[in-house]
């Protein structure tokens, strides 16, 4: 049980290190974007429901070995190992496309905002983003432990300053 928790926590930490991926439309409140996304997710799930199929990987054959000693040669027989079963949701890609189309019809586009460097995160006042700001090339995101996030556009200093 402890191992499962460690793996789960490690997975969450790695996910928190990556970019912030969301549907974006400048000037829209984050709560409005989240409501629109939820409504589109429900629509996509209705139009392209989960359709799991059980599939089987092919079995794997391991050939036997030949051992020779002073008394002659011996053979270990080969053996087969089951390839295993797995489940595939055949509508997953379709559901993602339906979601993307629904959000595009509402004026959103998917974006991926890189994580802010440590110095930017440390100097930015902590305030979760409530309205999606205009993005610049140097915009970045700070993720907080409570699941909220902040989009920051650091000021670029010039050599004359």
Protein backbone atom coordinates (compact mmCIF):
# COMPACT_ATOMS: atom_id res chain seq x y z
CA UNK A 1 0.00 0.00 0.00
CA UNK A 2 2.85 2.38 0.83
CA UNK A 3 4.45 1.65 -2.54
CA UNK A 4 1.21 2.53 -4.34
CA UNK A 5 1.03 5.85 -2.48
CA UNK A 6 4.66 6.66 -3.32
CA UNK A 7 4.05 5.96 -7.01
CA UNK A 8 0.87 8.10 -6.94
CA UNK A 9 2.63 11.02 -5.23
CA UNK A 10 5.59 10.76 -7.63
CA UNK A 11 3.19 10.82 -10.60
CA UNK A 12 1.43 13.90 -9.25
CA UNK A 13 4.74 15.66 -8.67
CA UNK A 14 5.90 14.93 -12.23
CA UNK A 15 2.53 16.18 -13.57
CA UNK A 16 2.92 19.38 -11.56
CA UNK A 17 6.33 19.99 -13.14
CA UNK A 18 5.05 20.02 -16.69
CA UNK A 19 3.37 22.80 -18.61
CA UNK A 20 -0.13 24.05 -17.80
CA UNK A 21 -2.46 22.82 -20.55
CA UNK A 22 -5.87 24.46 -20.80
CA UNK A 23 -8.41 25.97 -23.15
CA UNK A 24 -7.67 29.66 -23.51
CA UNK A 25 -9.55 32.80 -24.51
CA UNK A 26 -8.13 36.11 -23.26
CA UNK A 27 -10.34 38.11 -20.92
CA UNK A 28 -12.56 35.19 -19.91
CA UNK A 29 -12.97 34.38 -16.23
CA UNK A 30 -11.35 31.10 -15.22
CA UNK A 31 -14.62 29.90 -13.68
CA UNK A 32 -16.40 30.56 -17.03
CA UNK A 33 -13.70 28.63 -18.91
CA UNK A 34 -14.00 25.72 -16.47
CA UNK A 35 -17.82 25.70 -16.83
CA UNK A 36 -17.55 25.79 -20.62
CA UNK A 37 -14.99 22.98 -20.56
CA UNK A 38 -17.19 20.85 -18.28
CA UNK A 39 -20.23 21.40 -20.49
CA UNK A 40 -18.20 20.46 -23.58
CA UNK A 41 -16.79 17.38 -21.81
CA UNK A 42 -20.35 16.24 -21.02
CA UNK A 43 -21.37 16.87 -24.64
CA UNK A 44 -18.34 14.94 -25.92
CA UNK A 45 -19.06 12.05 -23.56
CA UNK A 46 -22.68 11.97 -24.74
CA UNK A 47 -21.71 12.11 -28.44
CA UNK A 48 -18.73 9.72 -28.17
CA UNK A 49 -19.35 7.53 -25.11
CA UNK A 50 -16.72 5.28 -23.57
CA UNK A 51 -16.46 2.17 -25.74
CA UNK A 52 -13.94 -0.13 -24.10
CA UNK A 53 -12.66 -3.13 -26.00
CA UNK A 54 -10.61 -5.90 -24.44
CA UNK A 55 -7.61 -6.83 -26.54
CA UNK A 56 -4.88 -9.39 -26.22
CA UNK A 57 -1.22 -8.99 -27.01
CA UNK A 58 0.27 -11.89 -28.98
CA UNK A 59 1.96 -14.61 -26.95
CA UNK A 60 5.75 -14.64 -26.80
CA UNK A 61 7.81 -17.77 -27.48
CA UNK A 62 11.10 -18.30 -25.65
CA UNK A 63 13.13 -20.98 -27.40
CA UNK A 64 14.86 -23.70 -25.40
CA UNK A 65 18.54 -23.87 -24.68
CA UNK A 66 21.11 -26.54 -25.50
CA UNK A 67 23.59 -27.55 -22.80
CA UNK A 68 26.53 -29.79 -23.53
CA UNK A 69 28.70 -31.51 -20.95
CA UNK A 70 31.18 -34.34 -21.13
CA UNK A 71 28.26 -36.79 -20.96
CA UNK A 72 26.42 -35.40 -23.96
CA UNK A 73 24.04 -32.58 -24.87
CA UNK A 74 20.73 -31.78 -23.22
CA UNK A 75 17.90 -29.56 -24.32
CA UNK A 76 15.58 -27.43 -22.25
CA UNK A 77 12.30 -27.11 -24.09
CA UNK A 78 11.03 -23.72 -25.22
CA UNK A 79 7.92 -22.22 -23.71
CA UNK A 80 5.18 -19.70 -24.44
CA UNK A 81 4.30 -16.70 -22.26
CA UNK A 82 0.88 -15.11 -22.48
CA UNK A 83 1.04 -11.62 -24.01
CA UNK A 84 -1.56 -10.31 -21.59
CA UNK A 85 -4.87 -8.51 -21.90
CA UNK A 86 -5.44 -4.76 -22.04
CA UNK A 87 -8.39 -2.43 -22.52
CA UNK A 88 -8.72 0.27 -25.18
CA UNK A 89 -11.37 3.00 -25.32
CA UNK A 90 -11.86 3.17 -29.08
CA UNK A 91 -13.77 6.48 -28.79
CA UNK A 92 -11.10 8.33 -26.81
CA UNK A 93 -9.61 10.19 -29.80
CA UNK A 94 -13.06 11.00 -31.19
CA UNK A 95 -14.17 12.30 -27.79
CA UNK A 96 -11.08 14.58 -27.63
CA UNK A 97 -11.85 15.96 -31.11
CA UNK A 98 -15.51 16.58 -30.19
CA UNK A 99 -14.33 18.41 -27.03
CA UNK A 100 -11.84 20.51 -29.04
CA UNK A 101 -14.53 21.44 -31.61
CA UNK A 102 -17.01 22.38 -28.88
CA UNK A 103 -14.46 24.62 -27.13
CA UNK A 104 -13.38 26.16 -30.47
CA UNK A 105 -17.04 27.00 -31.17
CA UNK A 106 -17.03 28.90 -27.87
CA UNK A 107 -13.90 30.82 -28.93
CA UNK A 108 -11.25 28.87 -26.99
CA UNK A 109 -8.04 27.36 -28.24
CA UNK A 110 -5.89 24.77 -26.48
CA UNK A 111 -2.62 26.18 -25.15
CA UNK A 112 0.30 24.84 -23.18
CA UNK A 113 1.95 27.39 -20.90
CA UNK A 114 5.42 26.46 -19.59
CA UNK A 115 6.14 26.32 -15.89
CA UNK A 116 7.77 29.46 -14.45
CA UNK A 117 11.42 29.29 -13.42
CA UNK A 118 12.05 29.24 -9.66
CA UNK A 119 13.17 32.88 -9.52
CA UNK A 120 9.95 34.07 -11.20
CA UNK A 121 7.80 31.88 -8.92
CA UNK A 122 9.55 33.22 -5.84
CA UNK A 123 9.20 36.88 -6.83
CA UNK A 124 5.59 36.81 -8.04
CA UNK A 125 2.94 37.71 -5.44
CA UNK A 126 0.77 34.66 -4.79
CA UNK A 127 -2.59 35.20 -6.46
CA UNK A 128 -4.47 32.55 -8.40
CA UNK A 129 -5.49 33.73 -11.86
CA UNK A 130 -9.20 34.59 -11.98
CA UNK A 131 -9.34 36.10 -15.49
CA UNK A 132 -7.29 34.74 -18.38
CA UNK A 133 -4.72 37.43 -19.29
CA UNK A 134 -3.26 38.17 -22.69
CA UNK A 135 -0.32 35.84 -23.28
CA UNK A 136 3.15 36.90 -24.33
CA UNK A 137 6.10 34.81 -25.47
CA UNK A 138 7.57 34.85 -21.96
CA UNK A 139 4.31 34.05 -20.12
CA UNK A 140 4.59 31.16 -17.71
CA UNK A 141 2.47 29.39 -15.11
CA UNK A 142 2.85 28.79 -11.39
CA UNK A 143 0.94 25.82 -9.97
CA UNK A 144 -0.18 25.82 -6.36
CA UNK A 145 -0.70 22.87 -4.03
CA UNK A 146 -4.47 23.45 -3.88
CA UNK A 147 -4.77 22.86 -7.65
CA UNK A 148 -5.04 26.53 -8.60
CA UNK A 149 -2.55 28.25 -10.84
CA UNK A 150 -1.31 31.68 -11.77
CA UNK A 151 -0.30 32.90 -15.22
CA UNK A 152 2.60 35.36 -15.01
CA UNK A 153 4.26 37.48 -17.69
CA UNK A 154 7.60 38.58 -16.25
CA UNK A 155 8.89 42.03 -17.14
CA UNK A 156 11.89 41.84 -19.41
CA UNK A 157 14.68 44.08 -18.25
CA UNK A 158 16.67 45.93 -20.86
CA UNK A 159 20.42 46.57 -20.83
CA UNK A 160 19.85 50.31 -20.27
CA UNK A 161 18.09 49.78 -16.94
